[in-house]
C-alpha atoms as a PDB file:
ATOM      1  CA  MET A   1     -39.322 -89.395 -41.135  1.00  0.00           C
ATOM      2  CA  LYS A   2     -37.633 -92.158 -42.752  1.00  0.00           C
ATOM      3  CA  LEU A   3     -34.439 -93.975 -41.406  1.00  0.00           C
ATOM      4  CA  ILE A   4     -32.483 -96.546 -43.331  1.00  0.00           C
ATOM      5  CA  LEU A   5     -31.557 -99.367 -41.320  1.00  0.00           C
ATOM      6  CA  PRO A   6     -29.818-102.752 -41.563  1.00  0.00           C
ATOM      7  CA  THR A   7     -32.117-105.610 -41.465  1.00  0.00           C
ATOM      8  CA  GLU A   8     -29.918-107.348 -39.192  1.00  0.00           C
ATOM      9  CA  PHE A   9     -30.676-105.170 -35.901  1.00  0.00           C
ATOM     10  CA  SER A  10     -34.762-105.928 -37.121  1.00  0.00           C
ATOM     11  CA  PRO A  11     -35.713-108.346 -34.529  1.00  0.00           C
ATOM     12  CA  ASP A  12     -34.132-106.127 -31.811  1.00  0.00           C
ATOM     13  CA  LEU A  13     -34.135-102.477 -33.730  1.00  0.00           C
ATOM     14  CA  ASN A  14     -37.755-102.893 -34.850  1.00  0.00           C
ATOM     15  CA  PRO A  15     -40.287-102.990 -31.642  1.00  0.00           C
ATOM     16  CA  LYS A  16     -38.247-100.262 -30.223  1.00  0.00           C
ATOM     17  CA  LEU A  17     -38.594 -97.841 -32.901  1.00  0.00           C
ATOM     18  CA  PRO A  18     -41.226 -94.397 -32.570  1.00  0.00           C
ATOM     19  CA  PRO A  19     -44.499 -95.516 -34.505  1.00  0.00           C
ATOM     20  CA  ASP A  20     -44.074 -92.660 -36.870  1.00  0.00           C
ATOM     21  CA  VAL A  21     -41.354 -93.490 -38.387  1.00  0.00           C
ATOM     22  CA  GLU A  22     -40.492 -94.913 -41.749  1.00  0.00           C
ATOM     23  CA  VAL A  23     -38.048 -97.898 -42.160  1.00  0.00           C
ATOM     24  CA  VAL A  24     -36.516 -99.034 -45.159  1.00  0.00           C
ATOM     25  CA  TRP A  25     -34.342-102.023 -44.217  1.00  0.00           C
ATOM     26  CA  ALA A  26     -31.018-102.537 -46.089  1.00  0.00           C
ATOM     27  CA  ASP A  27     -28.847-105.810 -46.099  1.00  0.00           C
ATOM     28  CA  THR A  28     -25.353-105.875 -45.933  1.00  0.00           C
ATOM     29  CA  HIS A  29     -24.917-105.209 -49.873  1.00  0.00           C
ATOM     30  CA  SER A  30     -28.119-101.933 -49.429  1.00  0.00           C
ATOM     31  CA  THR A  31     -30.516-104.480 -50.723  1.00  0.00           C
ATOM     32  CA  PHE A  32     -33.351-102.169 -49.961  1.00  0.00           C
ATOM     33  CA  GLU A  33     -36.588-102.914 -48.797  1.00  0.00           C
ATOM     34  CA  GLY A  34     -37.854-100.095 -50.039  1.00  0.00           C
ATOM     35  CA  ASP A  35     -37.632 -96.250 -51.701  1.00  0.00           C
ATOM     36  CA  PRO A  36     -34.846 -94.976 -49.725  1.00  0.00           C
ATOM     37  CA  SER A  37     -34.497 -91.732 -51.920  1.00  0.00           C
ATOM     38  CA  ASP A  38     -36.127 -89.540 -48.974  1.00  0.00           C
ATOM     39  CA  ALA A  39     -34.252 -90.954 -46.172  1.00  0.00           C
ATOM     40  CA  GLU A  40     -32.768 -88.732 -43.377  1.00  0.00           C
ATOM     41  CA  VAL A  41     -31.011 -90.956 -41.194  1.00  0.00           C
ATOM     42  CA  TYR A  42     -28.778 -94.160 -41.970  1.00  0.00           C
ATOM     43  CA  LEU A  43     -27.312 -96.637 -39.167  1.00  0.00           C
ATOM     44  CA  ASN A  44     -25.508 -99.349 -40.814  1.00  0.00           C
ATOM     45  CA  TRP A  45     -24.614-102.968 -39.478  1.00  0.00           C
ATOM     46  CA  PHE A  46     -20.961-103.853 -38.671  1.00  0.00           C
ATOM     47  CA  TYR A  47     -18.144-104.247 -41.207  1.00  0.00           C
ATOM     48  CA  LEU A  48     -19.495-101.379 -43.229  1.00  0.00           C
ATOM     49  CA  LYS A  49     -17.562-101.458 -47.030  1.00  0.00           C
ATOM     50  CA  PRO A  50     -17.005 -98.199 -48.808  1.00  0.00           C
ATOM     51  CA  GLU A  51     -18.923 -99.544 -51.931  1.00  0.00           C
ATOM     52  CA  THR A  52     -22.184-100.339 -49.490  1.00  0.00           C
ATOM     53  CA  LEU A  53     -21.710 -97.145 -47.841  1.00  0.00           C
ATOM     54  CA  HIS A  54     -21.792 -95.575 -51.384  1.00  0.00           C
ATOM     55  CA  LYS A  55     -24.290 -97.274 -52.555  1.00  0.00           C
ATOM     56  CA  VAL A  56     -26.407 -95.575 -49.606  1.00  0.00           C
ATOM     57  CA  LEU A  57     -25.519 -92.318 -50.306  1.00  0.00           C
ATOM     58  CA  GLU A  58     -26.415 -92.266 -54.490  1.00  0.00           C
ATOM     59  CA  ALA A  59     -29.821 -93.993 -53.351  1.00  0.00           C
ATOM     60  CA  ALA A  60     -30.422 -90.961 -50.574  1.00  0.00           C
ATOM     61  CA  PRO A  61     -29.650 -87.662 -51.782  1.00  0.00           C
ATOM     62  CA  GLN A  62     -31.433 -86.203 -48.452  1.00  0.00           C
ATOM     63  CA  LEU A  63     -29.414 -87.739 -45.985  1.00  0.00           C
ATOM     64  CA  ARG A  64     -28.402 -85.425 -43.218  1.00  0.00           C
ATOM     65  CA  TRP A  65     -27.410 -87.870 -40.453  1.00  0.00           C
ATOM     66  CA  MET A  66     -25.613 -91.527 -40.456  1.00  0.00           C
ATOM     67  CA  GLN A  67     -25.096 -93.272 -36.933  1.00  0.00           C
ATOM     68  CA  THR A  68     -22.183 -95.730 -37.369  1.00  0.00           C
ATOM     69  CA  PRO A  69     -21.773 -98.569 -34.835  1.00  0.00           C
ATOM     70  CA  SER A  70     -17.576 -98.954 -35.080  1.00  0.00           C
ATOM     71  CA  ALA A  71     -15.630 -96.201 -33.003  1.00  0.00           C
ATOM     72  CA  GLY A  72     -12.994 -96.042 -35.805  1.00  0.00           C
ATOM     73  CA  VAL A  73     -14.392 -94.073 -38.820  1.00  0.00           C
ATOM     74  CA  ASN A  74     -11.519 -93.995 -41.449  1.00  0.00           C
ATOM     75  CA  HIS A  75     -13.567 -96.563 -43.653  1.00  0.00           C
ATOM     76  CA  ILE A  76     -16.605 -93.918 -43.906  1.00  0.00           C
ATOM     77  CA  LEU A  77     -14.559 -90.538 -44.706  1.00  0.00           C
ATOM     78  CA  THR A  78     -14.252 -90.830 -48.340  1.00  0.00           C
ATOM     79  CA  PRO A  79     -14.692 -88.269 -50.922  1.00  0.00           C
ATOM     80  CA  GLN A  80     -17.924 -89.479 -51.878  1.00  0.00           C
ATOM     81  CA  PHE A  81     -19.052 -89.063 -47.877  1.00  0.00           C
ATOM     82  CA  LEU A  82     -17.395 -85.617 -47.304  1.00  0.00           C
ATOM     83  CA  GLU A  83     -18.556 -84.172 -50.089  1.00  0.00           C
ATOM     84  CA  ARG A  84     -22.125 -84.501 -48.549  1.00  0.00           C
ATOM     85  CA  ASN A  85     -21.896 -82.531 -45.370  1.00  0.00           C
ATOM     86  CA  ILE A  86     -23.455 -85.664 -43.269  1.00  0.00           C
ATOM     87  CA  THR A  87     -23.570 -85.284 -39.917  1.00  0.00           C
ATOM     88  CA  LEU A  88     -21.977 -88.607 -38.229  1.00  0.00           C
ATOM     89  CA  THR A  89     -21.908 -89.930 -35.178  1.00  0.00           C
ATOM     90  CA  ASN A  90     -20.013 -93.013 -33.712  1.00  0.00           C
ATOM     91  CA  GLY A  91     -20.377 -95.888 -31.285  1.00  0.00           C
ATOM     92  CA  ALA A  92     -17.480 -94.283 -28.900  1.00  0.00           C
ATOM     93  CA  GLY A  93     -17.861 -96.290 -25.602  1.00  0.00           C
ATOM     94  CA  THR A  94     -20.132 -99.173 -26.685  1.00  0.00           C
ATOM     95  CA  PHE A  95     -16.997-101.026 -27.644  1.00  0.00           C
ATOM     96  CA  ALA A  96     -14.734-100.094 -24.154  1.00  0.00           C
ATOM     97  CA  VAL A  97     -15.732-102.654 -22.041  1.00  0.00           C
ATOM     98  CA  PRO A  98     -14.908-105.731 -24.170  1.00  0.00           C
ATOM     99  CA  ILE A  99     -11.415-104.226 -25.662  1.00  0.00           C
ATOM    100  CA  ALA A 100     -10.063-102.913 -22.075  1.00  0.00           C
ATOM    101  CA  GLU A 101     -10.674-106.757 -20.923  1.00  0.00           C
ATOM    102  CA  PHE A 102      -8.840-107.617 -23.807  1.00  0.00           C
ATOM    103  CA  VAL A 103      -6.046-105.517 -22.844  1.00  0.00           C
ATOM    104  CA  MET A 104      -5.754-106.976 -19.338  1.00  0.00           C
ATOM    105  CA  ALA A 105      -5.886-110.518 -20.835  1.00  0.00           C
ATOM    106  CA  PHE A 106      -2.978-109.536 -23.281  1.00  0.00           C
ATOM    107  CA  ILE A 107      -1.201-108.138 -20.038  1.00  0.00           C
ATOM    108  CA  LEU A 108      -1.736-111.384 -17.879  1.00  0.00           C
ATOM    109  CA  ASN A 109      -1.103-113.381 -20.488  1.00  0.00           C
ATOM    110  CA  TYR A 110       2.678-112.249 -20.380  1.00  0.00           C
ATOM    111  CA  ALA A 111       2.920-111.397 -17.036  1.00  0.00           C
ATOM    112  CA  LYS A 112       1.545-114.998 -15.934  1.00  0.00           C
ATOM    113  CA  CYS A 113       3.914-117.260 -19.051  1.00  0.00           C
ATOM    114  CA  LEU A 114       0.492-118.454 -20.134  1.00  0.00           C
ATOM    115  CA  PRO A 115       1.536-119.624 -23.524  1.00  0.00           C
ATOM    116  CA  LYS A 116       4.904-121.593 -22.272  1.00  0.00           C
ATOM    117  CA  LEU A 117       2.567-123.150 -19.401  1.00  0.00           C
ATOM    118  CA  HIS A 118       0.064-124.296 -21.991  1.00  0.00           C
ATOM    119  CA  GLU A 119       2.866-125.468 -24.015  1.00  0.00           C
ATOM    120  CA  LEU A 120       3.686-127.494 -20.915  1.00  0.00           C
ATOM    121  CA  GLN A 121       0.692-128.763 -20.378  1.00  0.00           C
ATOM    122  CA  ALA A 122       0.425-129.831 -23.800  1.00  0.00           C
ATOM    123  CA  GLN A 123       3.911-131.851 -23.119  1.00  0.00           C
ATOM    124  CA  ARG A 124       2.602-133.303 -19.790  1.00  0.00           C
ATOM    125  CA  GLN A 125       5.771-131.849 -18.313  1.00  0.00           C
ATOM    126  CA  TRP A 126       5.610-130.435 -14.561  1.00  0.00           C
ATOM    127  CA  LEU A 127       8.132-127.454 -14.092  1.00  0.00           C
ATOM    128  CA  ARG A 128       8.752-125.568 -11.089  1.00  0.00           C
ATOM    129  CA  SER A 129       7.490-122.453 -10.852  1.00  0.00           C
ATOM    130  CA  VAL A 130      11.027-120.437  -9.680  1.00  0.00           C
ATOM    131  CA  ASP A 131      11.797-121.749 -13.469  1.00  0.00           C
ATOM    132  CA  LEU A 132       9.642-119.528 -15.262  1.00  0.00           C
ATOM    133  CA  PRO A 133       9.689-115.542 -15.639  1.00  0.00           C
ATOM    134  CA  PHE A 134       6.385-114.752 -13.731  1.00  0.00           C
ATOM    135  CA  GLN A 135       5.722-111.124 -13.061  1.00  0.00           C
ATOM    136  CA  GLU A 136       3.204-109.311 -11.201  1.00  0.00           C
ATOM    137  CA  VAL A 137       1.233-106.551 -12.744  1.00  0.00           C
ATOM    138  CA  ASP A 138       0.809-104.596  -9.650  1.00  0.00           C
ATOM    139  CA  GLY A 139       3.408-101.808  -9.665  1.00  0.00           C
ATOM    140  CA  ALA A 140       4.103-101.970 -13.495  1.00  0.00           C
ATOM    141  CA  THR A 141       3.627 -99.095 -15.847  1.00  0.00           C
ATOM    142  CA  LEU A 142       1.200 -98.795 -18.688  1.00  0.00           C
ATOM    143  CA  LEU A 143       1.579 -96.625 -21.239  1.00  0.00           C
ATOM    144  CA  ILE A 144      -1.931 -95.889 -23.366  1.00  0.00           C
ATOM    145  CA  ILE A 145      -1.530 -93.658 -26.364  1.00  0.00           C
ATOM    146  CA  GLY A 146      -5.406 -92.835 -26.643  1.00  0.00           C
ATOM    147  CA  ALA A 147      -6.840 -91.892 -23.892  1.00  0.00           C
ATOM    148  CA  GLY A 148     -10.351 -91.905 -24.923  1.00  0.00           C
ATOM    149  CA  SER A 149     -13.531 -93.823 -24.285  1.00  0.00           C
ATOM    150  CA  ILE A 150     -11.526 -97.354 -24.620  1.00  0.00           C
ATOM    151  CA  GLY A 151      -8.158 -95.766 -23.228  1.00  0.00           C
ATOM    152  CA  GLN A 152      -9.985 -94.183 -20.115  1.00  0.00           C
ATOM    153  CA  THR A 153     -12.081 -98.277 -19.388  1.00  0.00           C
ATOM    154  CA  ILE A 154      -8.515 -99.794 -20.022  1.00  0.00           C
ATOM    155  CA  ALA A 155      -7.059 -97.668 -17.214  1.00  0.00           C
ATOM    156  CA  GLN A 156      -9.982 -98.052 -14.916  1.00  0.00           C
ATOM    157  CA  ARG A 157      -9.099-101.901 -15.065  1.00  0.00           C
ATOM    158  CA  ALA A 158      -5.637-101.580 -14.963  1.00  0.00           C
ATOM    159  CA  ASN A 159      -5.977 -99.337 -11.803  1.00  0.00           C
ATOM    160  CA  ALA A 160      -7.863-102.442 -10.220  1.00  0.00           C
ATOM    161  CA  PHE A 161      -4.478-104.602 -10.682  1.00  0.00           C
ATOM    162  CA  GLY A 162      -2.468-101.716  -8.978  1.00  0.00           C
ATOM    163  CA  MET A 163      -1.025-100.569 -12.002  1.00  0.00           C
ATOM    164  CA  GLN A 164       0.649 -97.081 -12.547  1.00  0.00           C
ATOM    165  CA  VAL A 165      -1.008 -95.589 -15.737  1.00  0.00           C
ATOM    166  CA  TRP A 166       0.255 -92.715 -17.891  1.00  0.00           C
ATOM    167  CA  GLY A 167      -1.991 -91.484 -21.235  1.00  0.00           C
ATOM    168  CA  SER A 168      -1.497 -89.103 -23.712  1.00  0.00           C
ATOM    169  CA  ARG A 169      -3.909 -87.248 -25.707  1.00  0.00           C
ATOM    170  CA  ARG A 170      -4.505 -84.298 -28.440  1.00  0.00           C
ATOM    171  CA  HIS A 171      -5.536 -81.789 -24.915  1.00  0.00           C
ATOM    172  CA  PRO A 172      -4.073 -83.127 -22.044  1.00  0.00           C
ATOM    173  CA  GLN A 173      -5.322 -82.572 -18.819  1.00  0.00           C
ATOM    174  CA  PRO A 174      -6.057 -84.352 -15.312  1.00  0.00           C
ATOM    175  CA  MET A 175      -7.985 -87.353 -15.846  1.00  0.00           C
ATOM    176  CA  ALA A 176      -9.598 -89.854 -13.013  1.00  0.00           C
ATOM    177  CA  GLY A 177      -7.300 -93.376 -13.452  1.00  0.00           C
ATOM    178  CA  PHE A 178      -4.343 -91.601 -14.799  1.00  0.00           C
ATOM    179  CA  GLU A 179      -1.116 -90.918 -12.933  1.00  0.00           C
ATOM    180  CA  LYS A 180       0.168 -88.704 -16.133  1.00  0.00           C
ATOM    181  CA  VAL A 181      -1.246 -87.354 -18.739  1.00  0.00           C
ATOM    182  CA  VAL A 182       0.888 -85.572 -21.371  1.00  0.00           C
ATOM    183  CA  GLY A 183       0.056 -84.511 -25.392  1.00  0.00           C
ATOM    184  CA  THR A 184       0.302 -85.718 -28.733  1.00  0.00           C
ATOM    185  CA  ALA A 185       4.206 -84.507 -28.876  1.00  0.00           C
ATOM    186  CA  GLU A 186       5.419 -86.226 -25.333  1.00  0.00           C
ATOM    187  CA  TRP A 187       4.439 -89.446 -25.084  1.00  0.00           C
ATOM    188  CA  ARG A 188       7.734 -90.871 -26.946  1.00  0.00           C
ATOM    189  CA  SER A 189       9.600 -89.782 -24.011  1.00  0.00           C
ATOM    190  CA  LEU A 190       7.690 -91.884 -21.230  1.00  0.00           C
ATOM    191  CA  LEU A 191       8.607 -95.646 -23.878  1.00  0.00           C
ATOM    192  CA  PRO A 192      12.043 -95.922 -21.777  1.00  0.00           C
ATOM    193  CA  GLU A 193       9.815 -96.340 -18.603  1.00  0.00           C
ATOM    194  CA  ALA A 194       6.950 -97.781 -19.671  1.00  0.00           C
ATOM    195  CA  ASP A 195       6.569-102.187 -18.852  1.00  0.00           C
ATOM    196  CA  TYR A 196       3.319-102.290 -21.107  1.00  0.00           C
ATOM    197  CA  VAL A 197       2.192 -99.790 -23.883  1.00  0.00           C
ATOM    198  CA  VAL A 198      -1.050-100.118 -25.614  1.00  0.00           C
ATOM    199  CA  LEU A 199      -2.201 -98.491 -28.566  1.00  0.00           C
ATOM    200  CA  ALA A 200      -5.764 -97.093 -28.627  1.00  0.00           C
ATOM    201  CA  THR A 201      -5.641 -93.917 -30.802  1.00  0.00           C
ATOM    202  CA  PRO A 202      -7.907 -93.993 -33.920  1.00  0.00           C
ATOM    203  CA  LEU A 203      -6.524 -94.194 -37.473  1.00  0.00           C
ATOM    204  CA  THR A 204      -6.393 -90.679 -39.167  1.00  0.00           C
ATOM    205  CA  PRO A 205      -4.008 -89.006 -41.626  1.00  0.00           C
ATOM    206  CA  GLU A 206      -2.327 -87.559 -38.556  1.00  0.00           C
ATOM    207  CA  THR A 207      -1.573 -90.733 -37.185  1.00  0.00           C
ATOM    208  CA  LYS A 208      -0.865 -93.332 -39.675  1.00  0.00           C
ATOM    209  CA  GLY A 209       2.506 -94.764 -39.095  1.00  0.00           C
ATOM    210  CA  LEU A 210       2.765 -92.658 -35.766  1.00  0.00           C
ATOM    211  CA  PHE A 211       4.390 -95.603 -33.857  1.00  0.00           C
ATOM    212  CA  ASP A 212       6.950 -95.975 -36.127  1.00  0.00           C
ATOM    213  CA  GLU A 213      11.140 -97.613 -35.477  1.00  0.00           C
ATOM    214  CA  ALA A 214      12.346 -95.012 -33.431  1.00  0.00           C
ATOM    215  CA  ALA A 215       9.021 -94.974 -31.100  1.00  0.00           C
ATOM    216  CA  LEU A 216       9.924 -99.096 -30.918  1.00  0.00           C
ATOM    217  CA  ARG A 217      13.484 -98.356 -30.524  1.00  0.00           C
ATOM    218  CA  LEU A 218      13.072 -96.684 -27.315  1.00  0.00           C
ATOM    219  CA  MET A 219      10.948 -99.542 -25.445  1.00  0.00           C
ATOM    220  CA  ARG A 220      12.750-101.800 -23.159  1.00  0.00           C
ATOM    221  CA  PRO A 221      13.780-105.127 -24.124  1.00  0.00           C
ATOM    222  CA  SER A 222      11.514-106.336 -21.130  1.00  0.00           C
ATOM    223  CA  SER A 223       8.181-104.583 -22.474  1.00  0.00           C
ATOM    224  CA  TYR A 224       5.315-105.277 -24.670  1.00  0.00           C
ATOM    225  CA  PHE A 225       3.307-103.647 -26.796  1.00  0.00           C
ATOM    226  CA  ILE A 226      -0.204-104.320 -27.425  1.00  0.00           C
ATOM    227  CA  ASN A 227      -2.482-103.231 -30.400  1.00  0.00           C
ATOM    228  CA  ILE A 228      -5.965-102.578 -30.276  1.00  0.00           C
ATOM    229  CA  ALA A 229      -6.406 -99.423 -32.733  1.00  0.00           C
ATOM    230  CA  ARG A 230      -5.919 -99.776 -36.033  1.00  0.00           C
ATOM    231  CA  GLY A 231      -2.959-101.806 -37.734  1.00  0.00           C
ATOM    232  CA  ALA A 232      -2.211 -98.709 -40.277  1.00  0.00           C
ATOM    233  CA  VAL A 233      -0.838 -96.786 -36.857  1.00  0.00           C
ATOM    234  CA  VAL A 234       1.890 -98.651 -36.624  1.00  0.00           C
ATOM    235  CA  ASP A 235       4.701 -99.607 -38.979  1.00  0.00           C
ATOM    236  CA  GLU A 236       4.177-103.282 -39.306  1.00  0.00           C
ATOM    237  CA  PRO A 237       7.879-104.155 -40.853  1.00  0.00           C
ATOM    238  CA  ALA A 238       9.590-102.008 -38.312  1.00  0.00           C
ATOM    239  CA  LEU A 239       7.587-103.919 -35.853  1.00  0.00           C
ATOM    240  CA  ILE A 240       8.437-107.331 -36.835  1.00  0.00           C
ATOM    241  CA  ARG A 241      12.009-106.145 -36.756  1.00  0.00           C
ATOM    242  CA  ALA A 242      11.660-105.146 -33.027  1.00  0.00           C
ATOM    243  CA  LEU A 243       9.988-108.713 -32.195  1.00  0.00           C
ATOM    244  CA  SER A 244      12.423-110.299 -34.193  1.00  0.00           C
ATOM    245  CA  GLU A 245      15.384-108.457 -32.764  1.00  0.00           C
ATOM    246  CA  GLY A 246      14.360-108.271 -28.975  1.00  0.00           C
ATOM    247  CA  TRP A 247      14.459-104.665 -29.037  1.00  0.00           C
ATOM    248  CA  ILE A 248      10.666-105.674 -27.040  1.00  0.00           C
ATOM    249  CA  ALA A 249       9.848-108.659 -25.495  1.00  0.00           C
ATOM    250  CA  GLY A 250       6.637-109.402 -27.540  1.00  0.00           C
ATOM    251  CA  ALA A 251       3.373-108.107 -28.551  1.00  0.00           C
ATOM    252  CA  GLY A 252      -0.763-108.516 -28.482  1.00  0.00           C
ATOM    253  CA  LEU A 253      -2.002-107.777 -31.771  1.00  0.00           C
ATOM    254  CA  ASP A 254      -5.845-107.054 -32.670  1.00  0.00           C
ATOM    255  CA  THR A 255      -5.396-104.872 -35.824  1.00  0.00           C
ATOM    256  CA  PHE A 256      -3.406-105.270 -38.648  1.00  0.00           C
ATOM    257  CA  ALA A 257      -2.259-103.231 -41.746  1.00  0.00           C
ATOM    258  CA  THR A 258      -3.886-105.636 -43.962  1.00  0.00           C
ATOM    259  CA  GLU A 259      -7.133-107.402 -42.707  1.00  0.00           C
ATOM    260  CA  PRO A 260      -7.505-110.564 -42.468  1.00  0.00           C
ATOM    261  CA  LEU A 261      -3.405-110.685 -42.185  1.00  0.00           C
ATOM    262  CA  PRO A 262      -2.240-112.818 -45.127  1.00  0.00           C
ATOM    263  CA  PRO A 263      -0.710-116.237 -44.365  1.00  0.00           C
ATOM    264  CA  GLU A 264       2.652-114.994 -45.571  1.00  0.00           C
ATOM    265  CA  SER A 265       3.353-113.055 -43.030  1.00  0.00           C
ATOM    266  CA  LEU A 266       5.938-112.784 -40.954  1.00  0.00           C
ATOM    267  CA  LEU A 267       3.918-112.244 -37.530  1.00  0.00           C
ATOM    268  CA  TRP A 268       2.435-115.281 -37.871  1.00  0.00           C
ATOM    269  CA  GLY A 269       5.661-117.068 -37.026  1.00  0.00           C
ATOM    270  CA  LEU A 270       7.034-115.048 -34.302  1.00  0.00           C
ATOM    271  CA  PRO A 271       6.810-116.799 -30.746  1.00  0.00           C
ATOM    272  CA  ASN A 272       6.662-113.753 -29.135  1.00  0.00           C
ATOM    273  CA  VAL A 273       3.706-112.413 -30.630  1.00  0.00           C
ATOM    274  CA  PHE A 274      -0.361-112.795 -29.680  1.00  0.00           C
ATOM    275  CA  ILE A 275      -2.549-112.485 -32.787  1.00  0.00           C
ATOM    276  CA  THR A 276      -6.043-112.159 -32.602  1.00  0.00           C
ATOM    277  CA  PRO A 277      -8.669-111.452 -35.679  1.00  0.00           C
ATOM    278  CA  HIS A 278      -9.892-108.070 -34.825  1.00  0.00           C
ATOM    279  CA  CYS A 279     -12.101-109.239 -32.260  1.00  0.00           C
ATOM    280  CA  SER A 280     -11.491-107.448 -29.186  1.00  0.00           C
ATOM    281  CA  GLY A 281     -14.430-105.658 -29.573  1.00  0.00           C
ATOM    282  CA  MET A 282     -16.838-108.141 -29.652  1.00  0.00           C
ATOM    283  CA  SER A 283     -19.149-108.958 -27.221  1.00  0.00           C
ATOM    284  CA  PRO A 284     -23.476-110.415 -26.860  1.00  0.00           C
ATOM    285  CA  LYS A 285     -23.849-106.997 -25.322  1.00  0.00           C
ATOM    286  CA  ILE A 286     -22.716-104.855 -28.216  1.00  0.00           C
ATOM    287  CA  VAL A 287     -26.219-104.957 -30.479  1.00  0.00           C
ATOM    288  CA  ASP A 288     -28.005-103.705 -27.147  1.00  0.00           C
ATOM    289  CA  ARG A 289     -25.508-100.921 -26.094  1.00  0.00           C
ATOM    290  CA  THR A 290     -25.624 -99.649 -30.225  1.00  0.00           C
ATOM    291  CA  ILE A 291     -29.293 -99.745 -30.567  1.00  0.00           C
ATOM    292  CA  ALA A 292     -29.653 -97.867 -27.431  1.00  0.00           C
ATOM    293  CA  LEU A 293     -27.014 -95.340 -28.249  1.00  0.00           C
ATOM    294  CA  PHE A 294     -29.140 -95.109 -31.850  1.00  0.00           C
ATOM    295  CA  LEU A 295     -32.191 -94.501 -29.590  1.00  0.00           C
ATOM    296  CA  ASP A 296     -30.973 -92.071 -28.027  1.00  0.00           C
ATOM    297  CA  ASN A 297     -29.750 -90.028 -30.896  1.00  0.00           C
ATOM    298  CA  LEU A 298     -32.796 -90.507 -32.749  1.00  0.00           C
ATOM    299  CA  GLN A 299     -34.863 -88.633 -30.274  1.00  0.00           C
ATOM    300  CA  ARG A 300     -31.627 -86.155 -29.659  1.00  0.00           C
ATOM    301  CA  TYR A 301     -32.245 -85.642 -33.838  1.00  0.00           C
ATOM    302  CA  ARG A 302     -35.874 -85.731 -33.566  1.00  0.00           C
ATOM    303  CA  THR A 303     -36.103 -83.026 -30.827  1.00  0.00           C
ATOM    304  CA  GLY A 304     -33.321 -80.636 -32.172  1.00  0.00           C
ATOM    305  CA  GLN A 305     -30.638 -81.662 -29.236  1.00  0.00           C
ATOM    306  CA  PRO A 306     -27.480 -82.036 -29.631  1.00  0.00           C
ATOM    307  CA  LEU A 307     -26.358 -85.755 -30.743  1.00  0.00           C
ATOM    308  CA  ARG A 308     -23.857 -87.650 -28.647  1.00  0.00           C
ATOM    309  CA  ASN A 309     -20.291 -88.833 -30.258  1.00  0.00           C
ATOM    310  CA  VAL A 310     -20.443 -86.238 -33.149  1.00  0.00           C
ATOM    311  CA  VAL A 311     -17.374 -86.988 -35.054  1.00  0.00           C
ATOM    312  CA  ASN A 312     -14.997 -84.088 -36.135  1.00  0.00           C
ATOM    313  CA  VAL A 313     -14.433 -85.253 -39.846  1.00  0.00           C
ATOM    314  CA  GLY A 314     -11.771 -82.773 -40.312  1.00  0.00           C
ATOM    315  CA  LEU A 315      -9.903 -84.450 -37.297  1.00  0.00           C
ATOM    316  CA  GLY A 316     -11.169 -87.673 -37.919  1.00  0.00           C
ATOM    317  CA  TYR A 317     -12.543 -88.882 -35.175  1.00  0.00           C
END
């Protein structure tokens, strides 16, 4: 069996591979060390570009299974990929812990007035605590739109802080860590009651522009919006208006419609926005988790067992 693997994984992955597999190493531009024409399996490196994917597809006509480290797969489901009927598995779960911690950092940032405190420190100014609008997260309501592996891990952390957690998903059912789980047609009714709203849904044709002006207007002026999903799930011009005109109190944004976020974007200049460069999933443990998932799936593939994290390409996740 022949595998196409990224050279960046070589030091960590190569010693753990079964001895009877043949490997074609490929760099981020899909320059191959070996002949990929009869490869069955492809594991890509992070930040896969469509042109890199298409080069692999062209060079490997016998490809049957692709494992991607990312949880989102919207960048992979191109017409060229879909016409090949290749099984796709994603990295769902591998990024859940660092992203959940990042969400809690956003929440605590606003609840504890950290930007203002940092500003006061820079000014060498001692302001009495009674003059700062500190909040407790204990008892606050958190609405997670997209109660998948990342949403569930966020819920676990929020529960530890005593938050009331609600969620939404395509097929609602009682879930550990959630006081309430509603369907995709019902989450808007919960927006007026939420203190924090976290977007954790995948980007699909169905969810593009999902969080629109109508949704933002349902939120309270004291509430906060956090996006660790994909920028295109949000109507960005409407979000800018909501932040500028005080429909909501603030936002923690890790993803954007265009990345890198253009210097001319109005989001950069808004004082109630915390911008991070799509880094919430980063952790020194990600490579180890990705390799462990791939090796488990490789064993399953070779023995005919069901693979983990199979993507429904029709749904887009």
